[in-house]
Amino acid sequence: MEKSFDPNGVGIANGNIFGFPVTHAQADIVLYPIPWDATASYGRGTAGGPAAILRESTQLDFYNPYVKKAYNTKVFWEAIDERWERVNEDLSSQTTAYIDYLEEGGKLEDSEKFTALVQEMNAIQTKLKEEYKAKIAADLKANKLVGVIGGEHSTPLALIEALAEHTKFGILQIDAHADLRDAYENFEQSHASIMFNALQIENVEKLVQVGIRDIAQSEVDIIEANPNRVRCFYDWELKEENFEGKTWKQQVEDIIASLPNKVYISYDIDGLKPALCPNTGTPVPGGFDLEQINYLLYALARSNKEIIGFDLCEVGDDAWDANVGARALWNVICALKLNKEI
């Protein structure tokens, strides 16, 4: 790879992430971009996030202070499926109308049209999940690490389910939202329901949430009712501790100590400060600098925990959002590489 890739040269848009000359067969890490945001309840555009991340990824430089010759990492980006892009585009116009209807006080049971739409959406999302799950399962069988690149935060359920068929693990969720809604807006796989759905999986033994700052009472009730399975590091608590003298290093140690031995990273870009991701689906004031999350990732990589997979979701299709998203992705991949080397 060193002979065919110049880490000091111009980025080459060769269809693979970062312009790396790697095939699927050669890859240690396989990324599945899923262009889907049909349940988005506020801003649209994250379905275009994967394509935007791919486009911006060649603008990065690839020196990493913690991973020697990180640019030799064998990572492959699956082609974005245009079929699902078209399905998403068609359904998004319909779900937008449905969500507007709800926000105007409408009831699902009063509308045959929207009842049929919700049923169709739930069936199509199940098909989407099962299609990607089958592909992911083949890669896991080949001992490859897999990451899902959204799209909205509903998309990684396929990967979480596939991993859970083989092992027990905990989820480290970086997010502004708890995503513990039960079929939010009647969508069984809503972007706001991903962690509720994950907790239905027996082999997901722990959920550790970091940066949550926009949350419903029903979600707080779930967290408080499951103290041994769900640990939430609310953004306001982290900030208050920080204001009173507790360092981010100490807080990161607490977060990592809360996780089991095997860890899946679920990284919603809206966990960052909105200035870094203004076109994400549901931006919320507060949050983290990119460097803070990088510190957490590398600390996790150096710990006695094993990182078994990840997702990066909710990146907007704007160039700036995608630039930040590509850099977030690069640091996740370097953390994975570091974790495997230790």
Protein backbone atom coordinates (compact mmCIF):
# COMPACT_ATOMS: atom_id res chain seq x y z
CA MET A 1 0.00 0.00 0.00
CA GLU A 2 2.92 2.35 0.76
CA LYS A 3 4.08 1.92 -2.83
CA SER A 4 0.71 2.81 -4.32
CA PHE A 5 -0.45 5.57 -1.97
CA ASP A 6 1.37 8.83 -1.41
CA PRO A 7 0.29 10.21 2.01
CA ASN A 8 1.99 13.50 1.16
CA GLY A 9 0.37 13.94 -2.24
CA VAL A 10 -2.92 15.17 -3.61
CA GLY A 11 -5.98 13.22 -2.44
CA ILE A 12 -7.23 10.90 -5.18
CA ALA A 13 -11.00 10.49 -5.59
CA ASN A 14 -10.87 6.79 -6.45
CA GLY A 15 -14.25 5.86 -4.96
CA ASN A 16 -12.78 4.60 -1.71
CA ILE A 17 -12.78 6.49 1.57
CA PHE A 18 -9.75 8.82 1.95
CA GLY A 19 -8.61 7.72 -1.52
CA PHE A 20 -6.95 4.65 -0.03
CA PRO A 21 -6.11 1.95 -2.63
CA VAL A 22 -7.86 -0.92 -0.84
CA THR A 23 -10.33 -3.53 -2.10
CA HIS A 24 -13.06 -5.22 -0.08
CA ALA A 25 -11.07 -8.45 0.03
CA GLN A 26 -7.96 -6.67 1.31
CA ALA A 27 -9.76 -4.63 3.96
CA ASP A 28 -9.56 -5.10 7.71
CA ILE A 29 -12.33 -2.51 8.18
CA VAL A 30 -15.39 -2.34 5.93
CA LEU A 31 -17.70 0.67 5.95
CA TYR A 32 -21.34 0.54 4.85
CA PRO A 33 -22.78 3.94 3.90
CA ILE A 34 -26.57 3.89 4.24
CA PRO A 35 -28.31 6.86 2.53
CA TRP A 36 -31.42 6.99 4.66
CA ASP A 37 -33.25 9.74 6.58
CA ALA A 38 -36.92 8.96 5.90
CA THR A 39 -37.90 9.16 9.60
CA ALA A 40 -36.09 12.46 10.21
CA SER A 41 -38.38 14.56 12.38
CA TYR A 42 -36.69 17.96 11.98
CA GLY A 43 -34.01 18.64 9.36
CA ARG A 44 -33.46 16.60 6.22
CA GLY A 45 -30.21 15.96 4.37
CA THR A 46 -28.38 13.33 6.39
CA ALA A 47 -29.19 10.73 3.72
CA GLY A 48 -26.64 12.65 1.64
CA GLY A 49 -24.14 12.64 4.48
CA PRO A 50 -22.28 9.49 3.40
CA ALA A 51 -21.69 10.78 -0.14
CA ALA A 52 -20.54 14.13 1.26
CA ILE A 53 -18.14 12.44 3.72
CA LEU A 54 -16.66 10.38 0.88
CA ARG A 55 -16.21 13.51 -1.24
CA GLU A 56 -14.54 15.51 1.56
CA SER A 57 -12.39 12.62 2.83
CA THR A 58 -9.64 13.23 0.27
CA GLN A 59 -9.01 16.69 1.78
CA LEU A 60 -7.52 15.22 4.96
CA ASP A 61 -3.87 14.68 5.80
CA PHE A 62 -3.18 11.29 7.31
CA TYR A 63 -0.46 11.66 9.91
CA ASN A 64 -1.70 10.43 13.28
CA PRO A 65 0.34 11.02 16.46
CA TYR A 66 -0.81 7.75 18.05
CA VAL A 67 -0.77 5.30 15.14
CA LYS A 68 2.41 4.82 13.12
CA LYS A 69 1.77 5.06 9.38
CA ALA A 70 -1.97 5.25 9.98
CA TYR A 71 -2.48 5.82 6.26
CA ASN A 72 -1.66 2.14 5.74
CA THR A 73 -4.91 1.15 7.49
CA LYS A 74 -6.83 -1.17 5.21
CA VAL A 75 -10.31 0.33 5.13
CA PHE A 76 -12.86 -0.13 2.36
CA TRP A 77 -16.00 1.90 1.59
CA GLU A 78 -18.88 -0.05 0.07
CA ALA A 79 -20.58 1.71 -2.83
CA ILE A 80 -23.64 3.74 -1.88
CA ASP A 81 -26.73 1.84 -2.99
CA GLU A 82 -28.65 4.05 -5.42
CA ARG A 83 -31.76 1.88 -5.04
CA TRP A 84 -32.10 2.86 -1.41
CA GLU A 85 -31.35 6.49 -2.25
CA ARG A 86 -34.37 6.49 -4.56
CA VAL A 87 -36.62 4.74 -2.04
CA ASN A 88 -35.57 7.21 0.65
CA GLU A 89 -36.22 10.19 -1.59
CA ASP A 90 -39.69 8.93 -2.48
CA LEU A 91 -40.68 8.14 1.10
CA SER A 92 -39.17 11.28 2.63
CA SER A 93 -41.63 13.59 0.87
CA GLN A 94 -44.48 11.47 2.22
CA THR A 95 -43.14 11.19 5.77
CA THR A 96 -42.56 14.95 5.88
CA ALA A 97 -46.24 15.48 5.13
CA TYR A 98 -47.16 12.91 7.79
CA ILE A 99 -44.95 14.55 10.45
CA ASP A 100 -46.45 17.95 9.59
CA TYR A 101 -49.87 16.38 10.07
CA LEU A 102 -48.90 15.14 13.54
CA GLU A 103 -47.41 18.50 14.50
CA GLU A 104 -50.70 20.17 13.55
CA GLY A 105 -52.54 17.93 16.00
CA GLY A 106 -53.54 15.13 13.66
CA LYS A 107 -53.98 11.56 14.93
CA LEU A 108 -52.67 8.56 13.02
CA GLU A 109 -55.84 6.57 13.63
CA ASP A 110 -57.87 9.29 11.91
CA SER A 111 -56.00 9.00 8.61
CA GLU A 112 -56.15 5.91 6.41
CA LYS A 113 -53.51 7.40 4.10
CA PHE A 114 -50.96 7.95 6.84
CA THR A 115 -51.76 4.65 8.56
CA ALA A 116 -50.90 2.91 5.29
CA LEU A 117 -47.75 5.01 4.98
CA VAL A 118 -46.52 4.07 8.47
CA GLN A 119 -47.16 0.39 7.76
CA GLU A 120 -45.26 0.68 4.49
CA MET A 121 -42.38 2.50 6.18
CA ASN A 122 -42.06 -0.11 8.91
CA ALA A 123 -42.01 -2.92 6.36
CA ILE A 124 -39.48 -1.17 4.11
CA GLN A 125 -37.16 -0.35 7.01
CA THR A 126 -37.22 -3.98 8.08
CA LYS A 127 -36.23 -4.94 4.52
CA LEU A 128 -33.46 -2.32 4.55
CA LYS A 129 -32.15 -3.62 7.87
CA GLU A 130 -32.21 -7.28 6.83
CA GLU A 131 -30.49 -6.58 3.50
CA TYR A 132 -27.57 -4.80 5.15
CA LYS A 133 -27.49 -7.28 8.02
CA ALA A 134 -26.86 -10.14 5.59
CA LYS A 135 -23.94 -8.28 3.98
CA ILE A 136 -22.50 -7.31 7.35
CA ALA A 137 -22.79 -10.86 8.67
CA ALA A 138 -20.60 -12.10 5.81
CA ASP A 139 -17.91 -9.56 6.70
CA LEU A 140 -18.05 -10.44 10.38
CA LYS A 141 -17.65 -14.11 9.44
CA ALA A 142 -14.52 -13.09 7.51
CA ASN A 143 -13.19 -11.43 10.70
CA LYS A 144 -13.50 -7.90 9.38
CA LEU A 145 -14.44 -4.95 11.56
CA VAL A 146 -17.55 -3.20 10.27
CA GLY A 147 -18.77 0.38 10.56
CA VAL A 148 -22.06 1.89 9.40
CA ILE A 149 -22.09 5.44 8.06
CA GLY A 150 -25.49 7.12 8.17
CA GLY A 151 -27.79 8.59 7.27
CA GLU A 152 -30.05 8.96 10.25
CA HIS A 153 -29.38 7.13 13.50
CA SER A 154 -31.82 4.31 12.75
CA THR A 155 -29.38 2.83 10.21
CA PRO A 156 -26.93 0.92 12.47
CA LEU A 157 -29.53 -1.48 13.88
CA ALA A 158 -28.48 -4.01 11.23
CA LEU A 159 -24.89 -3.98 12.51
CA ILE A 160 -25.88 -4.06 16.18
CA GLU A 161 -28.12 -7.07 15.59
CA ALA A 162 -25.46 -8.85 13.53
CA LEU A 163 -22.83 -8.38 16.23
CA ALA A 164 -25.25 -9.51 18.95
CA GLU A 165 -25.66 -12.86 17.21
CA HIS A 166 -22.05 -13.64 18.12
CA THR A 167 -21.20 -11.92 21.39
CA LYS A 168 -22.25 -9.77 24.32
CA PHE A 169 -21.16 -6.14 24.32
CA GLY A 170 -21.88 -2.65 25.54
CA ILE A 171 -22.68 0.43 23.49
CA LEU A 172 -20.86 3.72 23.98
CA GLN A 173 -23.32 6.29 22.61
CA ILE A 174 -22.08 9.82 21.86
CA ASP A 175 -25.19 11.88 21.23
CA ALA A 176 -27.29 14.91 22.09
CA HIS A 177 -30.36 12.65 22.36
CA ALA A 178 -31.07 9.47 24.30
CA ASP A 179 -32.89 7.82 21.35
CA LEU A 180 -34.97 5.74 23.77
CA ARG A 181 -38.38 6.47 22.23
CA ASP A 182 -40.64 3.48 21.63
CA ALA A 183 -41.58 3.69 17.91
CA TYR A 184 -41.34 7.48 17.82
CA GLU A 185 -44.05 8.95 15.56
CA ASN A 186 -45.16 5.30 15.05
CA PHE A 187 -42.01 4.43 13.10
CA GLU A 188 -40.69 1.21 14.64
CA GLN A 189 -37.16 2.05 13.48
CA SER A 190 -37.23 5.79 14.02
CA HIS A 191 -33.96 7.68 14.36
CA ALA A 192 -35.20 8.48 17.88
CA SER A 193 -35.72 4.78 18.70
CA ILE A 194 -32.34 3.22 17.90
CA MET A 195 -31.26 2.70 21.53
CA PHE A 196 -34.73 1.59 22.61
CA ASN A 197 -34.47 -1.07 19.91
CA ALA A 198 -30.91 -1.96 20.88
CA LEU A 199 -32.00 -2.57 24.47
CA GLN A 200 -34.46 -5.19 23.22
CA ILE A 201 -31.42 -7.29 22.23
CA GLU A 202 -30.35 -9.55 25.08
CA ASN A 203 -26.65 -9.51 24.18
CA VAL A 204 -26.52 -5.72 24.44
CA GLU A 205 -25.58 -5.85 28.10
CA LYS A 206 -24.86 -2.16 28.75
CA LEU A 207 -25.67 1.22 27.24
CA VAL A 208 -23.42 4.11 28.25
CA GLN A 209 -24.65 7.46 26.94
CA VAL A 210 -22.43 10.54 26.80
CA GLY A 211 -23.48 14.13 26.15
CA ILE A 212 -27.27 13.71 26.31
CA ARG A 213 -28.91 17.12 26.64
CA ASP A 214 -32.32 16.91 24.90
CA ILE A 215 -34.44 14.18 26.42
CA ALA A 216 -38.07 13.25 27.15
CA GLN A 217 -39.45 12.21 30.53
CA SER A 218 -40.26 8.74 29.16
CA GLU A 219 -36.58 8.29 28.28
CA VAL A 220 -35.44 9.44 31.72
CA ASP A 221 -37.86 6.90 33.18
CA ILE A 222 -36.19 4.10 31.18
CA ILE A 223 -32.74 5.20 32.31
CA GLU A 224 -33.77 5.42 35.97
CA ALA A 225 -35.59 2.08 35.85
CA ASN A 226 -32.50 0.28 34.51
CA PRO A 227 -29.51 1.52 36.56
CA ASN A 228 -27.50 -1.66 35.98
CA ARG A 229 -27.97 -1.62 32.22
CA VAL A 230 -28.10 2.07 31.27
CA ARG A 231 -25.68 4.74 32.46
CA CYS A 232 -26.23 8.28 31.20
CA PHE A 233 -23.57 10.96 31.47
CA TYR A 234 -25.81 13.96 30.86
CA ASP A 235 -24.21 16.97 29.22
CA TRP A 236 -25.32 19.28 32.01
CA GLU A 237 -23.78 17.00 34.65
CA LEU A 238 -20.49 16.78 32.79
CA LYS A 239 -20.40 20.55 32.38
CA GLU A 240 -21.26 21.18 36.05
CA GLU A 241 -18.51 18.80 37.18
CA ASN A 242 -16.11 20.52 34.81
CA PHE A 243 -17.03 23.97 36.11
CA GLU A 244 -16.36 22.72 39.63
CA GLY A 245 -12.91 21.36 38.83
CA LYS A 246 -13.30 17.80 37.56
CA THR A 247 -11.20 17.27 34.46
CA TRP A 248 -12.27 15.68 31.20
CA LYS A 249 -9.58 13.05 31.81
CA GLN A 250 -11.28 12.05 35.07
CA GLN A 251 -14.69 12.04 33.41
CA VAL A 252 -13.39 9.86 30.56
CA GLU A 253 -12.02 7.40 33.12
CA ASP A 254 -15.51 7.21 34.68
CA ILE A 255 -17.11 6.65 31.27
CA ILE A 256 -14.70 3.86 30.29
CA ALA A 257 -15.05 2.20 33.69
CA SER A 258 -18.82 2.01 33.09
CA LEU A 259 -18.35 -0.09 29.94
CA PRO A 260 -18.08 -3.89 29.69
CA ASN A 261 -15.09 -5.59 28.04
CA LYS A 262 -16.44 -5.44 24.49
CA VAL A 263 -17.59 -2.08 23.19
CA TYR A 264 -19.54 -0.86 20.17
CA ILE A 265 -19.26 2.88 19.46
CA SER A 266 -22.40 4.70 18.28
CA TYR A 267 -21.35 8.21 17.29
CA ASP A 268 -24.12 10.65 16.44
CA ILE A 269 -22.42 13.79 15.12
CA ASP A 270 -24.95 15.98 16.98
CA GLY A 271 -23.11 15.01 20.15
CA LEU A 272 -20.66 17.70 19.03
CA LYS A 273 -21.21 21.43 19.32
CA PRO A 274 -23.66 22.64 16.64
CA ALA A 275 -21.04 24.96 15.13
CA LEU A 276 -19.26 21.80 14.01
CA CYS A 277 -22.37 20.17 12.51
CA PRO A 278 -25.00 22.87 11.84
CA ASN A 279 -26.77 20.79 9.18
CA THR A 280 -27.24 17.64 11.23
CA GLY A 281 -30.82 16.43 11.54
CA THR A 282 -31.52 17.71 15.06
CA PRO A 283 -28.82 20.12 16.30
CA VAL A 284 -28.85 21.03 20.01
CA PRO A 285 -26.83 23.72 21.84
CA GLY A 286 -24.11 22.39 24.10
CA GLY A 287 -22.02 19.34 23.38
CA PHE A 288 -18.38 18.60 22.73
CA ASP A 289 -15.45 19.80 20.70
CA LEU A 290 -14.17 17.19 18.26
CA GLU A 291 -10.93 16.96 20.24
CA GLN A 292 -12.80 15.94 23.39
CA ILE A 293 -14.41 12.97 21.65
CA ASN A 294 -11.09 12.08 20.03
CA TYR A 295 -9.54 12.00 23.52
CA LEU A 296 -12.32 9.67 24.70
CA LEU A 297 -11.86 7.37 21.68
CA TYR A 298 -8.10 7.06 22.09
CA ALA A 299 -8.43 6.53 25.85
CA LEU A 300 -10.92 3.75 25.13
CA ALA A 301 -8.54 2.29 22.54
CA ARG A 302 -5.70 2.17 25.10
CA SER A 303 -7.87 0.61 27.80
CA ASN A 304 -8.43 -3.09 28.37
CA LYS A 305 -11.64 -2.90 26.32
CA GLU A 306 -12.08 -4.35 22.83
CA ILE A 307 -13.80 -2.16 20.21
CA ILE A 308 -15.86 -4.47 18.01
CA GLY A 309 -17.63 -2.07 15.64
CA PHE A 310 -19.07 1.40 15.25
CA ASP A 311 -21.39 3.76 13.47
CA LEU A 312 -21.13 7.44 12.58
CA CYS A 313 -24.52 9.00 11.86
CA GLU A 314 -26.50 12.18 11.25
CA VAL A 315 -23.79 14.03 9.29
CA GLY A 316 -25.37 16.69 7.08
CA ASP A 317 -24.69 16.90 3.35
CA ASP A 318 -23.10 20.36 3.59
CA ALA A 319 -19.36 20.55 2.81
CA TRP A 320 -18.44 21.83 6.28
CA ASP A 321 -20.44 19.17 8.10
CA ALA A 322 -18.93 16.50 5.87
CA ASN A 323 -15.42 17.85 6.43
CA VAL A 324 -15.92 17.51 10.18
CA GLY A 325 -17.62 14.14 9.68
CA ALA A 326 -14.67 12.83 7.65
CA ARG A 327 -12.28 13.91 10.40
CA ALA A 328 -14.46 12.29 13.07
CA LEU A 329 -14.47 9.10 10.98
CA TRP A 330 -10.69 9.16 10.53
CA ASN A 331 -10.17 9.38 14.29
CA VAL A 332 -12.59 6.51 14.94
CA ILE A 333 -10.66 4.39 12.45
CA CYS A 334 -7.31 5.33 13.99
CA ALA A 335 -8.69 4.47 17.44
CA LEU A 336 -9.76 1.08 16.09
CA LYS A 337 -6.30 0.55 14.64
CA LEU A 338 -4.65 1.53 17.92
CA ASN A 339 -6.99 -0.75 19.87
CA LYS A 340 -5.99 -3.74 17.71
CA GLU A 341 -2.27 -2.97 18.04
CA ILE A 342 -2.26 -2.87 21.84
